[in-house]
Amino acid sequence: MATIRITQTGSPIRREKRQRATLVGLGLNKMHRTVEREDTPEVRGAIRKVQHMVEVEG
């Protein structure tokens, strides 16, 4: 299956707990950190919840 690269570009400060938890679930916890994840519907849904704080490639 294909992978996608997710980079955190926004700060979770002053965000809802659910959005912060979603970032942690994706493996992001610091600014400008990049992770690679499998391109699954679950990951796409998590990205959609925090799309204003991440950048997606691939």
PDB file of N, CA and C in Angstrom:
ATOM      1  N   MET A   1       0.834  -1.187   0.000  1.00  0.00           N
ATOM      2  CA  MET A   1       0.000   0.000   0.000  1.00  0.00           C
ATOM      3  C   MET A   1       0.877   1.248   0.000  1.00  0.00           C
ATOM      4  N   ALA A   2       0.337   2.335  -0.491  1.00  0.00           N
ATOM      5  CA  ALA A   2       1.080   3.578  -0.588  1.00  0.00           C
ATOM      6  C   ALA A   2       1.245   4.228   0.782  1.00  0.00           C
ATOM      7  N   THR A   3       2.296   5.030   0.901  1.00  0.00           N
ATOM      8  CA  THR A   3       2.505   5.781   2.133  1.00  0.00           C
ATOM      9  C   THR A   3       2.363   7.266   1.848  1.00  0.00           C
ATOM     10  N   ILE A   4       2.048   8.021   2.887  1.00  0.00           N
ATOM     11  CA  ILE A   4       1.965   9.472   2.767  1.00  0.00           C
ATOM     12  C   ILE A   4       2.845  10.079   3.842  1.00  0.00           C
ATOM     13  N   ARG A   5       3.420  11.234   3.524  1.00  0.00           N
ATOM     14  CA  ARG A   5       4.256  11.964   4.478  1.00  0.00           C
ATOM     15  C   ARG A   5       3.419  13.080   5.089  1.00  0.00           C
ATOM     16  N   ILE A   6       3.429  13.149   6.411  1.00  0.00           N
ATOM     17  CA  ILE A   6       2.649  14.156   7.136  1.00  0.00           C
ATOM     18  C   ILE A   6       3.623  15.000   7.939  1.00  0.00           C
ATOM     19  N   THR A   7       3.570  16.316   7.763  1.00  0.00           N
ATOM     20  CA  THR A   7       4.433  17.244   8.477  1.00  0.00           C
ATOM     21  C   THR A   7       3.576  18.186   9.306  1.00  0.00           C
ATOM     22  N   GLN A   8       3.917  18.331  10.571  1.00  0.00           N
ATOM     23  CA  GLN A   8       3.169  19.249  11.436  1.00  0.00           C
ATOM     24  C   GLN A   8       3.663  20.665  11.177  1.00  0.00           C
ATOM     25  N   THR A   9       2.737  21.559  10.806  1.00  0.00           N
ATOM     26  CA  THR A   9       3.086  22.939  10.512  1.00  0.00           C
ATOM     27  C   THR A   9       2.455  23.925  11.483  1.00  0.00           C
ATOM     28  N   GLY A  10       1.483  23.477  12.258  1.00  0.00           N
ATOM     29  CA  GLY A  10       0.807  24.371  13.191  1.00  0.00           C
ATOM     30  C   GLY A  10       0.968  23.899  14.619  1.00  0.00           C
ATOM     31  N   SER A  11       0.857  24.840  15.536  1.00  0.00           N
ATOM     32  CA  SER A  11       1.019  24.533  16.944  1.00  0.00           C
ATOM     33  C   SER A  11      -0.295  24.057  17.556  1.00  0.00           C
ATOM     34  N   PRO A  12      -0.242  23.054  18.427  1.00  0.00           N
ATOM     35  CA  PRO A  12      -1.455  22.581  19.090  1.00  0.00           C
ATOM     36  C   PRO A  12      -1.840  23.422  20.307  1.00  0.00           C
ATOM     37  N   ILE A  13      -1.082  24.471  20.578  1.00  0.00           N
ATOM     38  CA  ILE A  13      -1.416  25.340  21.710  1.00  0.00           C
ATOM     39  C   ILE A  13      -2.757  26.012  21.442  1.00  0.00           C
ATOM     40  N   ARG A  14      -3.604  26.058  22.448  1.00  0.00           N
ATOM     41  CA  ARG A  14      -4.951  26.650  22.388  1.00  0.00           C
ATOM     42  C   ARG A  14      -5.871  25.898  21.428  1.00  0.00           C
ATOM     43  N   ARG A  15      -5.630  24.630  21.245  1.00  0.00           N
ATOM     44  CA  ARG A  15      -6.514  23.783  20.438  1.00  0.00           C
ATOM     45  C   ARG A  15      -7.262  22.843  21.362  1.00  0.00           C
ATOM     46  N   GLU A  16      -8.321  22.260  20.855  1.00  0.00           N
ATOM     47  CA  GLU A  16      -9.097  21.307  21.644  1.00  0.00           C
ATOM     48  C   GLU A  16      -8.259  20.070  21.964  1.00  0.00           C
ATOM     49  N   LYS A  17      -8.593  19.421  23.084  1.00  0.00           N
ATOM     50  CA  LYS A  17      -7.866  18.213  23.485  1.00  0.00           C
ATOM     51  C   LYS A  17      -7.946  17.135  22.411  1.00  0.00           C
ATOM     52  N   ARG A  18      -9.079  17.036  21.746  1.00  0.00           N
ATOM     53  CA  ARG A  18      -9.240  16.000  20.709  1.00  0.00           C
ATOM     54  C   ARG A  18      -8.281  16.224  19.555  1.00  0.00           C
ATOM     55  N   GLN A  19      -8.056  17.494  19.185  1.00  0.00           N
ATOM     56  CA  GLN A  19      -7.127  17.773  18.095  1.00  0.00           C
ATOM     57  C   GLN A  19      -5.700  17.464  18.507  1.00  0.00           C
ATOM     58  N   ARG A  20      -5.339  17.793  19.739  1.00  0.00           N
ATOM     59  CA  ARG A  20      -4.006  17.466  20.233  1.00  0.00           C
ATOM     60  C   ARG A  20      -3.807  15.956  20.273  1.00  0.00           C
ATOM     61  N   ALA A  21      -4.833  15.235  20.716  1.00  0.00           N
ATOM     62  CA  ALA A  21      -4.749  13.777  20.779  1.00  0.00           C
ATOM     63  C   ALA A  21      -4.630  13.174  19.383  1.00  0.00           C
ATOM     64  N   THR A  22      -5.282  13.770  18.403  1.00  0.00           N
ATOM     65  CA  THR A  22      -5.195  13.287  17.026  1.00  0.00           C
ATOM     66  C   THR A  22      -3.774  13.439  16.498  1.00  0.00           C
ATOM     67  N   LEU A  23      -3.127  14.572  16.800  1.00  0.00           N
ATOM     68  CA  LEU A  23      -1.732  14.760  16.382  1.00  0.00           C
ATOM     69  C   LEU A  23      -0.834  13.700  17.006  1.00  0.00           C
ATOM     70  N   VAL A  24      -1.029  13.432  18.288  1.00  0.00           N
ATOM     71  CA  VAL A  24      -0.221  12.412  18.964  1.00  0.00           C
ATOM     72  C   VAL A  24      -0.492  11.044  18.343  1.00  0.00           C
ATOM     73  N   GLY A  25      -1.737  10.780  18.011  1.00  0.00           N
ATOM     74  CA  GLY A  25      -2.090   9.517  17.380  1.00  0.00           C
ATOM     75  C   GLY A  25      -1.434   9.332  16.022  1.00  0.00           C
ATOM     76  N   LEU A  26      -1.219  10.426  15.333  1.00  0.00           N
ATOM     77  CA  LEU A  26      -0.524  10.370  14.046  1.00  0.00           C
ATOM     78  C   LEU A  26       0.987  10.274  14.217  1.00  0.00           C
ATOM     79  N   GLY A  27       1.473  10.477  15.450  1.00  0.00           N
ATOM     80  CA  GLY A  27       2.908  10.413  15.705  1.00  0.00           C
ATOM     81  C   GLY A  27       3.581  11.757  15.645  1.00  0.00           C
ATOM     82  N   LEU A  28       2.801  12.823  15.698  1.00  0.00           N
ATOM     83  CA  LEU A  28       3.349  14.172  15.644  1.00  0.00           C
ATOM     84  C   LEU A  28       3.202  14.828  17.008  1.00  0.00           C
ATOM     85  N   ASN A  29       4.284  15.423  17.507  1.00  0.00           N
ATOM     86  CA  ASN A  29       4.188  16.116  18.777  1.00  0.00           C
ATOM     87  C   ASN A  29       5.078  17.345  18.846  1.00  0.00           C
ATOM     88  N   LYS A  30       5.804  17.635  17.769  1.00  0.00           N
ATOM     89  CA  LYS A  30       6.633  18.836  17.728  1.00  0.00           C
ATOM     90  C   LYS A  30       6.507  19.467  16.344  1.00  0.00           C
ATOM     91  N   MET A  31       6.696  20.764  16.312  1.00  0.00           N
ATOM     92  CA  MET A  31       6.596  21.496  15.054  1.00  0.00           C
ATOM     93  C   MET A  31       7.624  20.994  14.043  1.00  0.00           C
ATOM     94  N   HIS A  32       7.220  20.937  12.795  1.00  0.00           N
ATOM     95  CA  HIS A  32       8.063  20.578  11.647  1.00  0.00           C
ATOM     96  C   HIS A  32       8.566  19.142  11.695  1.00  0.00           C
ATOM     97  N   ARG A  33       7.942  18.308  12.500  1.00  0.00           N
ATOM     98  CA  ARG A  33       8.282  16.889  12.517  1.00  0.00           C
ATOM     99  C   ARG A  33       7.516  16.201  11.394  1.00  0.00           C
ATOM    100  N   THR A  34       8.164  15.255  10.729  1.00  0.00           N
ATOM    101  CA  THR A  34       7.559  14.539   9.606  1.00  0.00           C
ATOM    102  C   THR A  34       7.504  13.052   9.912  1.00  0.00           C
ATOM    103  N   VAL A  35       6.372  12.435   9.590  1.00  0.00           N
ATOM    104  CA  VAL A  35       6.214  10.989   9.754  1.00  0.00           C
ATOM    105  C   VAL A  35       5.642  10.417   8.467  1.00  0.00           C
ATOM    106  N   GLU A  36       5.871   9.134   8.245  1.00  0.00           N
ATOM    107  CA  GLU A  36       5.284   8.435   7.110  1.00  0.00           C
ATOM    108  C   GLU A  36       4.275   7.435   7.642  1.00  0.00           C
ATOM    109  N   ARG A  37       3.092   7.438   7.077  1.00  0.00           N
ATOM    110  CA  ARG A  37       2.023   6.533   7.497  1.00  0.00           C
ATOM    111  C   ARG A  37       1.422   5.869   6.270  1.00  0.00           C
ATOM    112  N   GLU A  38       0.837   4.697   6.481  1.00  0.00           N
ATOM    113  CA  GLU A  38       0.110   4.014   5.413  1.00  0.00           C
ATOM    114  C   GLU A  38      -1.101   4.866   5.026  1.00  0.00           C
ATOM    115  N   ASP A  39      -1.410   4.895   3.758  1.00  0.00           N
ATOM    116  CA  ASP A  39      -2.547   5.665   3.262  1.00  0.00           C
ATOM    117  C   ASP A  39      -3.821   4.838   3.438  1.00  0.00           C
ATOM    118  N   THR A  40      -4.421   4.945   4.614  1.00  0.00           N
ATOM    119  CA  THR A  40      -5.653   4.217   4.926  1.00  0.00           C
ATOM    120  C   THR A  40      -6.773   5.217   5.202  1.00  0.00           C
ATOM    121  N   PRO A  41      -8.014   4.787   5.137  1.00  0.00           N
ATOM    122  CA  PRO A  41      -9.125   5.694   5.444  1.00  0.00           C
ATOM    123  C   PRO A  41      -9.054   6.261   6.866  1.00  0.00           C
ATOM    124  N   GLU A  42      -8.532   5.483   7.818  1.00  0.00           N
ATOM    125  CA  GLU A  42      -8.423   5.957   9.196  1.00  0.00           C
ATOM    126  C   GLU A  42      -7.433   7.109   9.302  1.00  0.00           C
ATOM    127  N   VAL A  43      -6.301   6.971   8.633  1.00  0.00           N
ATOM    128  CA  VAL A  43      -5.288   8.024   8.663  1.00  0.00           C
ATOM    129  C   VAL A  43      -5.803   9.254   7.933  1.00  0.00           C
ATOM    130  N   ARG A  44      -6.468   9.062   6.810  1.00  0.00           N
ATOM    131  CA  ARG A  44      -7.038  10.197   6.074  1.00  0.00           C
ATOM    132  C   ARG A  44      -8.055  10.950   6.924  1.00  0.00           C
ATOM    133  N   GLY A  45      -8.860  10.235   7.703  1.00  0.00           N
ATOM    134  CA  GLY A  45      -9.839  10.876   8.579  1.00  0.00           C
ATOM    135  C   GLY A  45      -9.166  11.675   9.675  1.00  0.00           C
ATOM    136  N   ALA A  46      -8.087  11.137  10.239  1.00  0.00           N
ATOM    137  CA  ALA A  46      -7.348  11.863  11.274  1.00  0.00           C
ATOM    138  C   ALA A  46      -6.726  13.129  10.695  1.00  0.00           C
ATOM    139  N   ILE A  47      -6.200  13.029   9.479  1.00  0.00           N
ATOM    140  CA  ILE A  47      -5.611  14.197   8.823  1.00  0.00           C
ATOM    141  C   ILE A  47      -6.677  15.261   8.601  1.00  0.00           C
ATOM    142  N   ARG A  48      -7.862  14.844   8.211  1.00  0.00           N
ATOM    143  CA  ARG A  48      -8.946  15.788   7.958  1.00  0.00           C
ATOM    144  C   ARG A  48      -9.311  16.569   9.223  1.00  0.00           C
ATOM    145  N   LYS A  49      -9.216  15.915  10.391  1.00  0.00           N
ATOM    146  CA  LYS A  49      -9.557  16.575  11.657  1.00  0.00           C
ATOM    147  C   LYS A  49      -8.568  17.673  12.018  1.00  0.00           C
ATOM    148  N   VAL A  50      -7.315  17.535  11.588  1.00  0.00           N
ATOM    149  CA  VAL A  50      -6.283  18.523  11.936  1.00  0.00           C
ATOM    150  C   VAL A  50      -5.631  19.101  10.678  1.00  0.00           C
ATOM    151  N   GLN A  51      -6.393  19.207   9.611  1.00  0.00           N
ATOM    152  CA  GLN A  51      -5.836  19.650   8.335  1.00  0.00           C
ATOM    153  C   GLN A  51      -5.254  21.056   8.386  1.00  0.00           C
ATOM    154  N   HIS A  52      -5.685  21.872   9.337  1.00  0.00           N
ATOM    155  CA  HIS A  52      -5.172  23.232   9.475  1.00  0.00           C
ATOM    156  C   HIS A  52      -3.825  23.261  10.174  1.00  0.00           C
ATOM    157  N   MET A  53      -3.349  22.116  10.704  1.00  0.00           N
ATOM    158  CA  MET A  53      -2.073  22.065  11.404  1.00  0.00           C
ATOM    159  C   MET A  53      -1.065  21.132  10.751  1.00  0.00           C
ATOM    160  N   VAL A  54      -1.398  20.505   9.624  1.00  0.00           N
ATOM    161  CA  VAL A  54      -0.491  19.572   8.982  1.00  0.00           C
ATOM    162  C   VAL A  54      -0.403  19.839   7.488  1.00  0.00           C
ATOM    163  N   GLU A  55       0.674  19.323   6.909  1.00  0.00           N
ATOM    164  CA  GLU A  55       0.884  19.366   5.461  1.00  0.00           C
ATOM    165  C   GLU A  55       1.066  17.932   4.996  1.00  0.00           C
ATOM    166  N   VAL A  56       0.423  17.563   3.902  1.00  0.00           N
ATOM    167  CA  VAL A  56       0.453  16.173   3.444  1.00  0.00           C
ATOM    168  C   VAL A  56       1.094  16.116   2.063  1.00  0.00           C
ATOM    169  N   GLU A  57       2.003  15.143   1.896  1.00  0.00           N
ATOM    170  CA  GLU A  57       2.636  14.897   0.593  1.00  0.00           C
ATOM    171  C   GLU A  57       2.391  13.451   0.211  1.00  0.00           C
ATOM    172  N   GLY A  58       2.084  13.268  -1.042  1.00  0.00           N
ATOM    173  CA  GLY A  58       1.942  11.896  -1.536  1.00  0.00           C
ATOM    174  C   GLY A  58       0.583  11.436  -1.523  1.00  0.00           C
TER     175      GLY A  58
END
